[in-house]
Protein backbone atom coordinates (compact mmCIF):
# COMPACT_ATOMS: atom_id res chain seq x y z
CA UNK A 1 0.00 0.00 0.00
CA UNK A 2 2.81 2.39 0.93
CA UNK A 3 4.54 1.73 -2.37
CA UNK A 4 1.27 2.34 -4.19
CA UNK A 5 0.73 5.66 -2.45
CA UNK A 6 4.33 6.66 -3.06
CA UNK A 7 3.88 6.31 -6.80
CA UNK A 8 0.37 7.76 -6.99
CA UNK A 9 0.41 11.08 -8.85
CA UNK A 10 -2.19 12.84 -10.97
CA UNK A 11 -2.58 16.43 -11.96
CA UNK A 12 -4.73 19.11 -10.49
CA UNK A 13 -4.75 22.94 -10.83
CA UNK A 14 -5.12 26.26 -8.98
CA UNK A 15 -7.30 29.46 -9.03
CA UNK A 16 -9.75 31.56 -6.77
CA UNK A 17 -10.37 32.25 -3.06
CA UNK A 18 -13.09 33.35 -0.65
CA UNK A 19 -13.60 33.89 3.07
CA UNK A 20 -16.46 33.44 5.50
CA UNK A 21 -19.64 35.15 4.42
CA UNK A 22 -23.19 35.45 5.56
CA UNK A 23 -25.87 32.77 5.15
CA UNK A 24 -25.49 31.36 1.64
CA UNK A 25 -27.49 29.02 -0.55
CA UNK A 26 -26.26 26.84 -3.39
CA UNK A 27 -23.91 28.67 -5.77
CA UNK A 28 -22.10 27.91 -8.99
CA UNK A 29 -21.02 24.26 -8.90
CA UNK A 30 -17.35 23.29 -9.00
CA UNK A 31 -16.14 19.87 -10.09
CA UNK A 32 -16.46 17.31 -7.32
CA UNK A 33 -13.21 15.87 -6.05
CA UNK A 34 -13.99 12.69 -7.93
CA UNK A 35 -14.37 14.76 -11.10
CA UNK A 36 -11.02 16.57 -10.87
CA UNK A 37 -9.49 17.42 -14.26
CA UNK A 38 -7.51 14.61 -15.78
CA UNK A 39 -3.75 14.84 -16.08
CA UNK A 40 -2.38 16.50 -19.19
CA UNK A 41 0.92 16.20 -20.96
CA UNK A 42 2.05 19.43 -19.31
CA UNK A 43 1.30 18.18 -15.82
CA UNK A 44 2.71 14.66 -15.81
CA UNK A 45 4.62 13.28 -12.83
CA UNK A 46 8.39 13.09 -12.88
CA UNK A 47 9.96 9.94 -14.21
CA UNK A 48 10.65 7.35 -11.53
CA UNK A 49 13.77 7.95 -9.53
CA UNK A 50 15.07 4.50 -10.34
CA UNK A 51 15.14 5.34 -14.06
CA UNK A 52 16.57 8.79 -13.46
CA UNK A 53 19.26 7.53 -11.11
CA UNK A 54 20.24 4.80 -13.56
CA UNK A 55 20.91 7.44 -16.21
CA UNK A 56 23.23 9.53 -14.05
CA UNK A 57 26.83 9.94 -15.19
CA UNK A 58 28.03 10.56 -11.66
CA UNK A 59 27.54 9.38 -8.13
CA UNK A 60 24.52 10.85 -6.32
CA UNK A 61 26.43 10.51 -3.07
CA UNK A 62 28.59 13.45 -4.14
CA UNK A 63 25.61 15.70 -4.86
CA UNK A 64 24.69 18.35 -2.26
CA UNK A 65 21.00 18.86 -1.57
CA UNK A 66 19.66 21.92 0.24
CA UNK A 67 16.14 21.64 1.69
CA UNK A 68 14.22 24.57 3.14
CA UNK A 69 11.17 23.81 5.31
CA UNK A 70 8.92 26.67 6.32
CA UNK A 71 8.68 25.45 9.95
CA UNK A 72 9.97 22.29 11.61
CA UNK A 73 7.25 22.32 14.28
CA UNK A 74 4.53 21.77 11.66
CA UNK A 75 3.25 18.19 12.13
CA UNK A 76 2.76 17.49 8.44
CA UNK A 77 6.07 18.97 7.33
CA UNK A 78 7.82 16.85 9.97
CA UNK A 79 6.44 13.74 8.28
CA UNK A 80 7.34 15.18 4.87
CA UNK A 81 10.95 16.10 5.62
CA UNK A 82 11.64 12.82 7.42
CA UNK A 83 10.29 10.80 4.48
CA UNK A 84 12.14 13.04 2.00
CA UNK A 85 15.50 12.60 3.71
CA UNK A 86 15.09 8.83 4.03
CA UNK A 87 14.05 8.52 0.39
CA UNK A 88 16.96 10.66 -0.85
CA UNK A 89 19.34 8.42 1.07
CA UNK A 90 17.71 5.32 -0.43
CA UNK A 91 18.38 6.76 -3.89
CA UNK A 92 22.11 7.04 -3.16
CA UNK A 93 22.53 10.55 -1.74
CA UNK A 94 24.83 10.75 1.27
CA UNK A 95 23.20 11.81 4.52
CA UNK A 96 26.03 14.27 5.19
CA UNK A 97 25.31 16.00 1.86
CA UNK A 98 21.62 16.58 2.68
CA UNK A 99 21.05 19.74 4.70
CA UNK A 100 17.55 20.59 5.89
CA UNK A 101 16.93 24.09 7.27
CA UNK A 102 14.14 25.30 9.55
CA UNK A 103 12.68 28.59 8.31
CA UNK A 104 10.98 29.11 11.69
CA UNK A 105 7.98 30.53 9.81
CA UNK A 106 9.97 33.65 8.97
CA UNK A 107 10.66 34.53 5.34
CA UNK A 108 13.73 36.62 6.14
CA UNK A 109 15.26 33.68 7.98
CA UNK A 110 14.51 31.34 5.10
CA UNK A 111 15.89 33.81 2.54
CA UNK A 112 19.18 33.90 4.45
CA UNK A 113 19.23 30.11 4.44
CA UNK A 114 18.72 30.06 0.68
CA UNK A 115 21.56 32.56 0.25
CA UNK A 116 23.81 30.31 2.35
CA UNK A 117 22.90 27.26 0.28
CA UNK A 118 23.75 29.18 -2.90
CA UNK A 119 27.08 30.31 -1.46
CA UNK A 120 27.84 26.75 -0.40
CA UNK A 121 27.25 25.56 -3.96
CA UNK A 122 24.50 23.02 -3.46
CA UNK A 123 23.61 21.04 -6.55
CA UNK A 124 19.82 21.27 -6.13
CA UNK A 125 17.38 23.12 -3.86
CA UNK A 126 14.05 21.80 -2.56
CA UNK A 127 12.03 24.64 -1.04
CA UNK A 128 8.85 24.77 1.02
CA UNK A 129 8.48 28.58 1.08
CA UNK A 130 7.38 30.45 4.18
CA UNK A 131 5.43 32.81 1.94
CA UNK A 132 4.34 31.66 -1.51
CA UNK A 133 4.29 35.32 -2.52
CA UNK A 134 8.10 35.34 -2.20
CA UNK A 135 8.50 32.68 -4.88
CA UNK A 136 9.44 35.10 -7.67
CA UNK A 137 12.32 36.54 -5.64
CA UNK A 138 13.47 33.08 -4.59
CA UNK A 139 13.29 31.76 -8.15
CA UNK A 140 15.28 34.67 -9.57
CA UNK A 141 18.21 34.23 -7.20
CA UNK A 142 18.30 30.43 -7.47
CA UNK A 143 18.07 30.46 -11.28
CA UNK A 144 20.78 33.14 -11.44
CA UNK A 145 23.01 30.75 -9.50
CA UNK A 146 22.24 28.01 -12.07
CA UNK A 147 20.81 25.69 -9.40
CA UNK A 148 17.77 23.51 -10.18
CA UNK A 149 14.80 24.26 -7.93
CA UNK A 150 11.92 22.08 -6.71
CA UNK A 151 9.13 23.84 -4.82
CA UNK A 152 7.08 21.66 -2.48
CA UNK A 153 3.76 21.84 -0.62
CA UNK A 154 3.17 25.60 -0.91
CA UNK A 155 2.37 26.45 -4.49
CA UNK A 156 3.52 29.67 -6.17
CA UNK A 157 0.83 31.42 -8.19
CA UNK A 158 0.07 30.68 -11.84
CA UNK A 159 1.95 33.70 -13.18
CA UNK A 160 5.11 32.56 -11.40
CA UNK A 161 4.78 29.02 -12.74
CA UNK A 162 4.23 30.44 -16.23
CA UNK A 163 7.62 32.23 -15.99
CA UNK A 164 9.39 28.90 -15.49
CA UNK A 165 7.91 27.51 -18.66
CA UNK A 166 8.37 30.68 -20.69
CA UNK A 167 12.06 30.82 -19.80
CA UNK A 168 12.75 27.10 -19.89
CA UNK A 169 14.06 27.17 -16.31
CA UNK A 170 14.88 24.11 -14.24
CA UNK A 171 12.09 24.82 -11.76
CA UNK A 172 9.04 22.74 -10.85
CA UNK A 173 6.34 22.46 -8.19
CA UNK A 174 5.31 19.22 -6.47
CA UNK A 175 2.12 19.13 -4.44
CA UNK A 176 -1.60 18.49 -4.23
CA UNK A 177 -4.41 20.79 -5.31
CA UNK A 178 -5.81 22.24 -2.09
CA UNK A 179 -9.20 22.75 -3.72
CA UNK A 180 -9.58 18.99 -3.79
CA UNK A 181 -8.88 18.71 -0.06
CA UNK A 182 -11.43 21.40 0.75
CA UNK A 183 -14.01 19.72 -1.46
CA UNK A 184 -13.42 16.42 0.30
CA UNK A 185 -13.85 18.04 3.72
CA UNK A 186 -17.18 19.48 2.64
CA UNK A 187 -18.29 16.19 1.13
CA UNK A 188 -17.60 14.35 4.39
CA UNK A 189 -20.05 16.72 6.11
CA UNK A 190 -22.59 16.92 3.27
CA UNK A 191 -22.79 13.14 3.06
CA UNK A 192 -24.15 13.09 6.62
CA UNK A 193 -27.34 14.78 5.38
CA UNK A 194 -29.02 17.91 6.71
CA UNK A 195 -31.18 15.98 9.18
CA UNK A 196 -28.06 14.69 10.92
CA UNK A 197 -26.20 18.03 10.82
CA UNK A 198 -28.97 20.49 11.70
CA UNK A 199 -29.01 20.13 15.47
CA UNK A 200 -30.65 23.53 16.04
CA UNK A 201 -33.29 22.85 13.35
CA UNK A 202 -32.89 26.18 11.53
CA UNK A 203 -32.54 24.48 8.14
CA UNK A 204 -28.88 25.54 7.75
CA UNK A 205 -25.41 24.17 8.36
CA UNK A 206 -24.03 26.51 11.03
CA UNK A 207 -20.23 26.30 11.02
CA UNK A 208 -17.01 27.88 12.20
CA UNK A 209 -13.86 27.92 10.08
CA UNK A 210 -10.30 27.77 11.45
CA UNK A 211 -7.88 28.79 8.71
CA UNK A 212 -4.16 28.25 8.31
CA UNK A 213 -1.78 30.96 7.12
CA UNK A 214 -3.93 33.48 5.17
CA UNK A 215 -1.10 33.99 2.63
CA UNK A 216 -1.01 30.28 1.86
CA UNK A 217 -3.08 29.21 -1.13
CA UNK A 218 -3.85 25.91 0.61
CA UNK A 219 -5.62 27.78 3.41
CA UNK A 220 -7.51 29.92 0.92
CA UNK A 221 -8.69 26.99 -1.19
CA UNK A 222 -9.55 24.70 1.71
CA UNK A 223 -11.61 27.47 3.25
CA UNK A 224 -13.51 28.18 0.05
CA UNK A 225 -14.03 24.72 -1.32
CA UNK A 226 -15.06 23.02 1.92
CA UNK A 227 -18.05 25.35 2.10
CA UNK A 228 -18.63 25.20 -1.64
CA UNK A 229 -19.02 21.43 -1.44
CA UNK A 230 -21.95 21.98 0.93
CA UNK A 231 -23.67 24.56 -1.26
CA UNK A 232 -23.06 22.42 -4.35
CA UNK A 233 -25.09 19.72 -2.59
CA UNK A 234 -27.94 22.22 -2.15
CA UNK A 235 -27.31 22.87 1.54
CA UNK A 236 -27.74 26.35 2.99
CA UNK A 237 -24.82 27.41 5.15
CA UNK A 238 -24.30 29.99 7.86
CA UNK A 239 -20.76 31.03 8.83
CA UNK A 240 -20.70 31.91 12.53
CA UNK A 241 -16.96 32.60 12.73
CA UNK A 242 -13.91 32.50 10.45
CA UNK A 243 -10.58 32.86 12.28
CA UNK A 244 -6.90 32.37 11.45
CA UNK A 245 -5.15 29.67 13.47
CA UNK A 246 -1.87 29.63 11.50
CA UNK A 247 -1.81 25.80 11.33
CA UNK A 248 -1.16 25.74 15.09
CA UNK A 249 -2.82 23.32 17.53
CA UNK A 250 -2.83 25.70 20.49
CA UNK A 251 -4.29 28.55 18.45
CA UNK A 252 -6.90 26.20 17.00
CA UNK A 253 -7.97 25.13 20.47
CA UNK A 254 -8.30 28.68 21.73
CA UNK A 255 -10.21 29.92 18.68
CA UNK A 256 -12.69 27.06 18.82
CA UNK A 257 -13.11 27.52 22.57
CA UNK A 258 -13.89 31.20 21.98
CA UNK A 259 -16.39 30.42 19.22
CA UNK A 260 -18.14 27.77 21.30
CA UNK A 261 -18.33 30.21 24.18
CA UNK A 262 -19.87 32.85 21.92
CA UNK A 263 -22.23 30.75 19.80
CA UNK A 264 -22.86 27.76 22.07
CA UNK A 265 -24.97 24.95 20.67
CA UNK A 266 -25.53 26.81 17.39
CA UNK A 267 -22.10 25.56 16.25
CA UNK A 268 -22.83 22.39 14.30
CA UNK A 269 -19.64 21.94 12.25
CA UNK A 270 -16.01 22.91 12.81
CA UNK A 271 -13.82 23.06 9.70
CA UNK A 272 -10.06 23.15 10.29
CA UNK A 273 -7.61 23.70 7.45
CA UNK A 274 -5.24 21.11 8.94
CA UNK A 275 -5.18 18.30 11.49
CA UNK A 276 -3.04 20.10 14.06
CA UNK A 277 -5.77 22.71 14.49
CA UNK A 278 -8.38 19.94 14.43
CA UNK A 279 -6.65 18.29 17.38
CA UNK A 280 -6.87 21.60 19.25
CA UNK A 281 -10.52 21.91 18.24
CA UNK A 282 -11.21 18.39 19.53
CA UNK A 283 -9.96 19.39 22.97
CA UNK A 284 -11.97 22.63 22.97
CA UNK A 285 -15.11 20.71 22.00
CA UNK A 286 -14.58 18.23 24.83
CA UNK A 287 -13.90 21.05 27.31
CA UNK A 288 -17.19 22.67 26.27
CA UNK A 289 -19.09 19.48 27.10
CA UNK A 290 -19.88 18.73 23.45
CA UNK A 291 -19.49 15.33 21.75
CA UNK A 292 -18.29 14.91 18.18
CA UNK A 293 -20.78 12.84 16.22
CA UNK A 294 -23.54 13.46 18.73
CA UNK A 295 -24.07 17.23 18.75
CA UNK A 296 -21.24 18.62 16.59
CA UNK A 297 -18.96 17.53 13.71
CA UNK A 298 -15.24 18.18 13.15
CA UNK A 299 -13.01 17.74 10.08
CA UNK A 300 -9.35 18.42 9.32
CA UNK A 301 -6.73 17.80 6.62
CA UNK A 302 -3.48 15.77 6.65
CA UNK A 303 -4.48 12.38 8.12
CA UNK A 304 -1.95 12.48 10.93
CA UNK A 305 -1.74 9.15 12.73
CA UNK A 306 -3.43 10.50 15.87
CA UNK A 307 -6.26 11.99 13.84
CA UNK A 308 -6.85 8.78 11.88
CA UNK A 309 -7.13 6.99 15.23
CA UNK A 310 -9.62 9.66 16.36
CA UNK A 311 -11.63 9.15 13.18
CA UNK A 312 -11.81 5.44 13.96
CA UNK A 313 -12.97 6.13 17.53
CA UNK A 314 -15.42 8.84 16.44
CA UNK A 315 -13.60 11.66 18.26
CA UNK A 316 -13.10 13.42 14.89
CA UNK A 317 -15.60 13.11 12.03
CA UNK A 318 -13.10 12.87 9.20
CA UNK A 319 -9.92 14.16 7.62
CA UNK A 320 -8.19 14.19 4.23
CA UNK A 321 -4.96 12.32 3.57
CA UNK A 322 -2.30 14.76 2.40
CA UNK A 323 0.04 12.20 0.90
CA UNK A 324 3.47 13.14 2.22
CA UNK A 325 4.88 9.87 0.87
CA UNK A 326 3.94 10.48 -2.77
CA UNK A 327 4.82 14.17 -2.56
CA UNK A 328 8.22 13.74 -0.92
CA UNK A 329 9.18 10.92 -3.28
CA UNK A 330 8.04 12.89 -6.35
CA UNK A 331 10.06 15.92 -5.24
CA UNK A 332 13.17 13.78 -4.81
CA UNK A 333 12.55 12.15 -8.20
CA UNK A 334 12.27 15.60 -9.78
CA UNK A 335 15.57 16.63 -8.17
CA UNK A 336 17.26 13.51 -9.58
CA UNK A 337 15.87 14.28 -13.02
CA UNK A 338 17.38 17.77 -12.92
CA UNK A 339 20.72 16.44 -11.70
CA UNK A 340 20.88 13.80 -14.43
CA UNK A 341 20.14 16.15 -17.29
CA UNK A 342 16.51 15.25 -17.64
CA UNK A 343 13.56 17.62 -17.51
CA UNK A 344 10.41 17.81 -15.40
CA UNK A 345 6.99 19.17 -16.08
CA UNK A 346 6.39 22.46 -14.31
CA UNK A 347 3.58 21.07 -12.16
CA UNK A 348 3.72 17.58 -10.64
CA UNK A 349 0.46 16.74 -8.89
CA UNK A 350 -0.62 14.20 -6.29
CA UNK A 351 -4.14 13.31 -5.18
CA UNK A 352 -5.66 13.70 -1.73
CA UNK A 353 -7.69 10.86 -0.21
CA UNK A 354 -10.91 11.32 1.78
CA UNK A 355 -10.64 9.67 5.21
CA UNK A 356 -13.66 8.45 7.19
CA UNK A 357 -14.30 5.52 9.52
CA UNK A 358 -14.65 3.32 6.44
CA UNK A 359 -11.00 3.63 5.35
CA UNK A 360 -9.09 5.22 8.25
CA UNK A 361 -7.57 1.87 9.24
CA UNK A 362 -6.23 1.25 5.73
CA UNK A 363 -4.65 4.72 5.73
CA UNK A 364 -3.05 3.99 9.11
CA UNK A 365 -1.76 0.67 7.81
CA UNK A 366 -0.24 2.37 4.76
CA UNK A 367 1.76 4.72 6.98
CA UNK A 368 3.47 1.95 8.95
């Protein structure tokens, strides 16, 4: 199963954003997650690392890899960087030639780290930017140093990606389409049916939204498309509160506690842009004397091990598997392609997987 997930890659896209609004009825439909656009020739996954490594003229163990992670304390990025390092080593890179830097969620810090990597003459850079809006500046300096660049997890905007193609640069992005994850969150709730959701019997889905970093396109899309999935199913929604939790468990707990204190039993659904905040929300819900699945519902994104276990027990309604295995392996494969004289497409996509009680155990098993 793990090998299957590691090689799973299909293409998705990016565009649009919205925040929390007033009571809303069904709007313009978007494609359901199961109807995501098919992969195109310009969005194919990188060739397998085995093939790329076989074609190399040199020894990968001599190649220096610089990796920038936006923040080490992020649960998901911890899984990602650990898997990435292990996979790079399995491909023949030397552990001592792989340097992974913690951006500490500060773009200036990360920029200095990138400058240091350039000065040190790394052979390839893999970057999870603190701010996606800084991608153009990052790209310019890395390309000027003639170093191949693989962006991961936080997608630069379309105009930036278009520059790579227009100039024929050795730059690519590896990640999932966050719109799909938001859609899946909404579908998990919508599939429960209004009768099950509408505890206060006002005919609406009354929800609170806990967002990640507002500059991150993943937060924007998950926020928009989770709600859109409800309205696309013909459900009327009412946003009680939309707050920024910055992907942080403690902030998520406090924000949900505040919202429950303000809106009480009118809160029927809690959407969290990631699982760390969902874990905080779970605690706040318990502290408020509420019970997930009985008088409130809670969903996250990432499918952290603890959250999958909570989904199985009913403590969390559902989550969405953000496949760190496929993404980290694809980013390493793309780096090998660049180092061996091959090319990559400019967007390498991976699919999310909806996680409910029905499949949470299989997801857990795949992560072992």
